């Protein structure tokens, strides 16, 4: 399989690690400024007894050859800021073929954490 075409890798995002401070408030530490990635967001609106609930999820594609910085490590619990919204990394799925892993699909749930 070929790398994801560069023409599709049009987005940028910030990858951060979340740790609790002495007051148990989350403190975000920037790990990387991601470039040449792709992010697709999805918003769902559900009606319920307590009112409408809005949830937002996203999928981030990180190509091992094209995306920058190279060799970025993703882990569940990290945070990603895309389009001014913080998301929580829920899953990291390597996609491979006979030649090995060629890209990562990262499932995001949000919004999470501070927003500008």
N, C-alpha and C. Protein backbone atom coordinates (compact mmCIF):
# COMPACT_ATOMS: atom_id res chain seq x y z
N UNK A 1 0.84 -1.17 0.00
CA UNK A 1 0.00 0.00 0.00
C UNK A 1 0.88 1.24 0.00
N UNK A 2 0.47 2.25 -0.71
CA UNK A 2 1.21 3.50 -0.81
C UNK A 2 0.87 4.40 0.37
N UNK A 3 1.74 5.39 0.64
CA UNK A 3 1.40 6.34 1.70
C UNK A 3 0.13 7.11 1.34
N UNK A 4 -0.50 7.69 2.34
CA UNK A 4 -1.67 8.53 2.09
C UNK A 4 -1.20 9.69 1.20
N UNK A 5 -1.91 10.01 0.12
CA UNK A 5 -1.48 11.10 -0.75
C UNK A 5 -1.33 12.41 0.03
N UNK A 6 -0.26 13.10 -0.23
CA UNK A 6 0.03 14.34 0.49
C UNK A 6 -1.08 15.38 0.31
N UNK A 7 -1.74 15.34 -0.84
CA UNK A 7 -2.83 16.29 -1.09
C UNK A 7 -3.99 16.12 -0.11
N UNK A 8 -4.11 14.94 0.51
CA UNK A 8 -5.16 14.70 1.50
C UNK A 8 -4.73 15.06 2.92
N UNK A 9 -3.45 15.22 3.14
CA UNK A 9 -2.92 15.50 4.48
C UNK A 9 -2.81 17.02 4.67
N UNK A 10 -3.97 17.66 4.83
CA UNK A 10 -4.06 19.12 4.78
C UNK A 10 -4.21 19.78 6.15
N UNK A 11 -4.22 19.01 7.21
CA UNK A 11 -4.51 19.58 8.52
C UNK A 11 -3.28 19.64 9.43
N UNK A 12 -3.41 20.46 10.47
CA UNK A 12 -2.41 20.59 11.53
C UNK A 12 -3.13 20.42 12.86
N UNK A 13 -2.42 19.98 13.87
CA UNK A 13 -3.00 19.83 15.21
C UNK A 13 -1.87 19.85 16.23
N UNK A 14 -2.26 19.97 17.49
CA UNK A 14 -1.30 19.94 18.60
C UNK A 14 -1.55 18.68 19.42
N UNK A 15 -0.49 17.93 19.68
CA UNK A 15 -0.55 16.74 20.54
C UNK A 15 -0.01 17.12 21.91
N UNK A 16 -0.78 16.80 22.95
CA UNK A 16 -0.37 17.15 24.31
C UNK A 16 -0.60 15.98 25.25
N UNK A 17 0.15 15.98 26.34
CA UNK A 17 -0.01 14.99 27.39
C UNK A 17 -0.71 15.67 28.56
N UNK A 18 -1.64 14.97 29.17
CA UNK A 18 -2.39 15.53 30.30
C UNK A 18 -1.94 14.86 31.59
N UNK A 19 -1.61 15.67 32.55
CA UNK A 19 -1.24 15.17 33.88
C UNK A 19 -1.97 16.03 34.92
N UNK A 20 -2.31 15.42 36.03
CA UNK A 20 -3.00 16.15 37.09
C UNK A 20 -1.98 16.88 37.96
N UNK A 21 -2.29 18.14 38.30
CA UNK A 21 -1.40 18.89 39.18
C UNK A 21 -1.76 18.59 40.64
N UNK A 22 -1.19 19.34 41.55
CA UNK A 22 -1.41 19.09 42.98
C UNK A 22 -2.87 19.25 43.39
N UNK A 23 -3.65 20.02 42.60
CA UNK A 23 -5.06 20.24 42.90
C UNK A 23 -5.97 19.34 42.05
N UNK A 24 -5.37 18.36 41.39
CA UNK A 24 -6.07 17.41 40.52
C UNK A 24 -6.68 18.07 39.28
N UNK A 25 -6.20 19.25 38.94
CA UNK A 25 -6.62 19.90 37.71
C UNK A 25 -5.69 19.43 36.59
N UNK A 26 -6.23 19.16 35.40
CA UNK A 26 -5.37 18.70 34.32
C UNK A 26 -4.42 19.79 33.83
N UNK A 27 -3.18 19.42 33.66
CA UNK A 27 -2.17 20.30 33.10
C UNK A 27 -1.70 19.69 31.80
N UNK A 28 -1.77 20.47 30.72
CA UNK A 28 -1.39 19.96 29.41
C UNK A 28 0.03 20.38 29.07
N UNK A 29 0.81 19.41 28.61
CA UNK A 29 2.18 19.64 28.16
C UNK A 29 2.25 19.30 26.69
N UNK A 30 2.62 20.28 25.86
CA UNK A 30 2.69 20.05 24.42
C UNK A 30 3.80 19.05 24.11
N UNK A 31 3.45 18.02 23.33
CA UNK A 31 4.41 17.01 22.91
C UNK A 31 4.88 17.25 21.48
N UNK A 32 3.96 17.68 20.59
CA UNK A 32 4.32 17.86 19.18
C UNK A 32 3.29 18.74 18.49
N UNK A 33 3.77 19.46 17.48
CA UNK A 33 2.89 20.18 16.57
C UNK A 33 2.79 19.31 15.32
N UNK A 34 1.66 18.68 15.13
CA UNK A 34 1.46 17.74 14.04
C UNK A 34 1.14 18.48 12.74
N UNK A 35 1.79 18.09 11.65
CA UNK A 35 1.50 18.64 10.34
C UNK A 35 1.35 17.49 9.36
N UNK A 36 0.75 17.79 8.22
CA UNK A 36 0.50 16.78 7.18
C UNK A 36 -0.29 15.59 7.74
N UNK A 37 -1.36 15.90 8.42
CA UNK A 37 -2.27 14.88 8.94
C UNK A 37 -3.65 15.13 8.33
N UNK A 38 -4.55 14.22 8.58
CA UNK A 38 -5.94 14.42 8.16
C UNK A 38 -6.83 14.16 9.36
N UNK A 39 -7.82 15.04 9.56
CA UNK A 39 -8.77 14.89 10.65
C UNK A 39 -10.18 15.03 10.08
N UNK A 40 -11.02 14.08 10.38
CA UNK A 40 -12.44 14.11 10.00
C UNK A 40 -13.24 14.13 11.29
N UNK A 41 -14.10 15.14 11.45
CA UNK A 41 -14.91 15.27 12.66
C UNK A 41 -16.34 14.85 12.38
N UNK A 42 -17.03 14.47 13.45
CA UNK A 42 -18.43 14.08 13.35
C UNK A 42 -19.15 14.55 14.61
N UNK A 43 -20.28 15.21 14.43
CA UNK A 43 -21.06 15.70 15.55
C UNK A 43 -22.40 14.97 15.56
N UNK A 44 -22.81 14.49 16.73
CA UNK A 44 -24.09 13.80 16.87
C UNK A 44 -24.94 14.54 17.90
N UNK A 45 -26.20 14.67 17.61
CA UNK A 45 -27.15 15.31 18.52
C UNK A 45 -28.19 14.27 18.91
N UNK A 46 -28.30 14.00 20.21
CA UNK A 46 -29.24 13.00 20.70
C UNK A 46 -30.25 13.66 21.63
N UNK A 47 -31.52 13.39 21.40
CA UNK A 47 -32.57 13.92 22.26
C UNK A 47 -32.78 12.97 23.43
N UNK A 48 -32.92 13.54 24.61
CA UNK A 48 -33.14 12.74 25.80
C UNK A 48 -34.07 13.44 26.76
N UNK A 49 -34.40 12.77 27.84
CA UNK A 49 -35.31 13.36 28.84
C UNK A 49 -34.75 14.63 29.47
N UNK A 50 -33.46 14.64 29.68
CA UNK A 50 -32.84 15.79 30.32
C UNK A 50 -32.47 16.89 29.33
N UNK A 51 -32.83 16.72 28.09
CA UNK A 51 -32.49 17.70 27.07
C UNK A 51 -31.62 17.07 25.99
N UNK A 52 -31.27 17.88 25.04
CA UNK A 52 -30.45 17.38 23.94
C UNK A 52 -28.99 17.24 24.38
N UNK A 53 -28.35 16.20 23.90
CA UNK A 53 -26.94 15.95 24.18
C UNK A 53 -26.18 15.99 22.87
N UNK A 54 -25.12 16.75 22.86
CA UNK A 54 -24.28 16.87 21.66
C UNK A 54 -22.95 16.19 21.95
N UNK A 55 -22.54 15.30 21.07
CA UNK A 55 -21.24 14.66 21.22
C UNK A 55 -20.44 14.87 19.94
N UNK A 56 -19.16 14.98 20.09
CA UNK A 56 -18.30 15.21 18.94
C UNK A 56 -17.15 14.21 18.99
N UNK A 57 -16.92 13.55 17.86
CA UNK A 57 -15.81 12.62 17.74
C UNK A 57 -15.01 13.00 16.50
N UNK A 58 -13.83 12.43 16.39
CA UNK A 58 -12.99 12.69 15.22
C UNK A 58 -12.08 11.50 15.01
N UNK A 59 -11.61 11.37 13.78
CA UNK A 59 -10.58 10.40 13.44
C UNK A 59 -9.41 11.15 12.86
N UNK A 60 -8.23 10.88 13.37
CA UNK A 60 -7.00 11.51 12.89
C UNK A 60 -6.19 10.44 12.17
N UNK A 61 -5.73 10.75 10.97
CA UNK A 61 -4.86 9.85 10.21
C UNK A 61 -3.46 10.42 10.23
N UNK A 62 -2.51 9.61 10.67
CA UNK A 62 -1.10 9.97 10.74
C UNK A 62 -0.34 9.00 9.85
N UNK A 63 0.20 9.51 8.74
CA UNK A 63 0.94 8.68 7.79
C UNK A 63 2.39 8.57 8.26
N UNK A 64 2.91 7.35 8.31
CA UNK A 64 4.27 7.15 8.84
C UNK A 64 5.35 7.73 7.94
N UNK A 65 5.07 7.97 6.66
CA UNK A 65 6.07 8.54 5.76
C UNK A 65 5.88 10.03 5.53
N UNK A 66 4.64 10.49 5.50
CA UNK A 66 4.36 11.87 5.11
C UNK A 66 4.15 12.82 6.30
N UNK A 67 3.51 12.35 7.37
CA UNK A 67 3.16 13.23 8.49
C UNK A 67 4.39 13.63 9.28
N UNK A 68 4.30 14.79 9.90
CA UNK A 68 5.41 15.33 10.69
C UNK A 68 4.92 15.71 12.07
N UNK A 69 5.76 15.67 13.10
CA UNK A 69 7.10 15.13 13.08
C UNK A 69 7.06 13.61 12.97
N UNK A 70 8.11 13.08 12.40
CA UNK A 70 8.20 11.63 12.23
C UNK A 70 8.35 10.95 13.58
N UNK A 71 7.96 9.69 13.61
CA UNK A 71 8.09 8.84 14.80
C UNK A 71 7.37 9.39 16.03
N UNK A 72 6.25 10.06 15.80
CA UNK A 72 5.45 10.54 16.92
C UNK A 72 4.73 9.37 17.56
N UNK A 73 4.81 9.27 18.87
CA UNK A 73 4.16 8.18 19.60
C UNK A 73 2.82 8.68 20.14
N UNK A 74 1.77 7.95 19.83
CA UNK A 74 0.43 8.28 20.32
C UNK A 74 0.03 7.27 21.37
N UNK A 75 -0.71 7.73 22.39
CA UNK A 75 -1.17 6.84 23.46
C UNK A 75 -2.56 7.27 23.91
N UNK A 76 -3.33 6.30 24.33
CA UNK A 76 -4.65 6.58 24.87
C UNK A 76 -4.50 7.51 26.07
N UNK A 77 -5.35 8.52 26.13
CA UNK A 77 -5.31 9.49 27.22
C UNK A 77 -4.65 10.80 26.84
N UNK A 78 -3.86 10.81 25.77
CA UNK A 78 -3.28 12.07 25.32
C UNK A 78 -4.38 12.97 24.80
N UNK A 79 -4.06 14.23 24.59
CA UNK A 79 -5.01 15.20 24.07
C UNK A 79 -4.53 15.72 22.72
N UNK A 80 -5.49 16.02 21.84
CA UNK A 80 -5.21 16.60 20.53
C UNK A 80 -6.07 17.83 20.38
N UNK A 81 -5.45 18.94 20.01
CA UNK A 81 -6.20 20.17 19.74
C UNK A 81 -6.28 20.35 18.24
N UNK A 82 -7.52 20.35 17.75
CA UNK A 82 -7.77 20.54 16.32
C UNK A 82 -8.91 21.54 16.17
N UNK A 83 -8.70 22.55 15.35
CA UNK A 83 -9.72 23.58 15.09
C UNK A 83 -10.23 24.21 16.38
N UNK A 84 -9.34 24.42 17.34
CA UNK A 84 -9.69 25.08 18.58
C UNK A 84 -10.39 24.21 19.60
N UNK A 85 -10.53 22.92 19.33
CA UNK A 85 -11.22 22.00 20.25
C UNK A 85 -10.23 20.94 20.72
N UNK A 86 -10.25 20.68 22.03
CA UNK A 86 -9.43 19.62 22.59
C UNK A 86 -10.19 18.31 22.55
N UNK A 87 -9.54 17.27 22.08
CA UNK A 87 -10.09 15.93 22.03
C UNK A 87 -9.21 15.01 22.87
N UNK A 88 -9.79 13.91 23.33
CA UNK A 88 -9.05 12.90 24.08
C UNK A 88 -8.80 11.71 23.15
N UNK A 89 -7.57 11.19 23.13
CA UNK A 89 -7.24 10.02 22.33
C UNK A 89 -7.89 8.81 22.99
N UNK A 90 -8.79 8.15 22.25
CA UNK A 90 -9.53 6.99 22.75
C UNK A 90 -8.95 5.67 22.25
N UNK A 91 -8.39 5.68 21.04
CA UNK A 91 -7.81 4.45 20.48
C UNK A 91 -6.76 4.82 19.45
N UNK A 92 -5.78 3.94 19.32
CA UNK A 92 -4.72 4.08 18.31
C UNK A 92 -4.67 2.76 17.57
N UNK A 93 -4.98 2.80 16.27
CA UNK A 93 -5.05 1.58 15.47
C UNK A 93 -4.05 1.63 14.33
N UNK A 94 -3.00 0.82 14.39
CA UNK A 94 -2.06 0.77 13.26
C UNK A 94 -2.72 0.07 12.06
N UNK A 95 -2.52 0.62 10.88
CA UNK A 95 -3.04 0.03 9.65
C UNK A 95 -1.85 -0.49 8.86
N UNK A 96 -1.90 -1.77 8.50
CA UNK A 96 -0.74 -2.37 7.85
C UNK A 96 -1.15 -3.20 6.64
N UNK A 97 -0.15 -3.56 5.87
CA UNK A 97 -0.31 -4.48 4.75
C UNK A 97 0.85 -5.47 4.83
N UNK A 98 1.15 -6.14 3.74
CA UNK A 98 2.21 -7.15 3.74
C UNK A 98 3.59 -6.55 4.01
N UNK A 99 3.75 -5.26 3.80
CA UNK A 99 5.05 -4.60 3.98
C UNK A 99 5.20 -3.95 5.35
N UNK A 100 4.17 -3.97 6.17
CA UNK A 100 4.25 -3.40 7.50
C UNK A 100 3.25 -2.28 7.70
N UNK A 101 3.38 -1.59 8.82
CA UNK A 101 2.46 -0.50 9.18
C UNK A 101 2.75 0.70 8.28
N UNK A 102 1.69 1.29 7.72
CA UNK A 102 1.88 2.46 6.86
C UNK A 102 1.21 3.72 7.39
N UNK A 103 0.16 3.58 8.22
CA UNK A 103 -0.41 4.76 8.87
C UNK A 103 -1.14 4.35 10.14
N UNK A 104 -1.44 5.36 10.96
CA UNK A 104 -2.17 5.15 12.20
C UNK A 104 -3.52 5.84 12.08
N UNK A 105 -4.56 5.18 12.58
CA UNK A 105 -5.87 5.80 12.71
C UNK A 105 -6.10 6.02 14.20
N UNK A 106 -6.27 7.27 14.57
CA UNK A 106 -6.39 7.63 15.97
C UNK A 106 -7.82 8.11 16.21
N UNK A 107 -8.55 7.39 17.07
CA UNK A 107 -9.92 7.77 17.42
C UNK A 107 -9.91 8.79 18.53
N UNK A 108 -10.65 9.89 18.31
CA UNK A 108 -10.69 10.99 19.26
C UNK A 108 -12.11 11.22 19.75
N UNK A 109 -12.25 11.58 21.02
CA UNK A 109 -13.55 11.95 21.59
C UNK A 109 -13.41 13.33 22.20
N UNK A 110 -14.44 14.13 22.09
CA UNK A 110 -14.32 15.48 22.61
C UNK A 110 -15.67 16.15 22.68
N UNK A 111 -15.75 17.40 23.00
CA UNK A 111 -14.57 18.18 23.42
C UNK A 111 -14.10 17.77 24.80
N UNK A 112 -12.82 17.97 25.03
CA UNK A 112 -12.20 17.58 26.29
C UNK A 112 -11.21 18.66 26.70
N UNK A 113 -11.25 19.06 27.93
CA UNK A 113 -10.26 20.01 28.42
C UNK A 113 -10.60 21.45 28.04
N UNK A 114 -9.63 22.34 28.20
CA UNK A 114 -9.89 23.76 27.98
C UNK A 114 -10.09 24.08 26.51
N UNK A 115 -10.92 25.05 26.24
CA UNK A 115 -11.11 25.55 24.89
C UNK A 115 -10.76 27.03 24.89
N UNK A 116 -10.26 27.52 23.77
CA UNK A 116 -9.84 28.93 23.74
C UNK A 116 -11.02 29.86 23.80
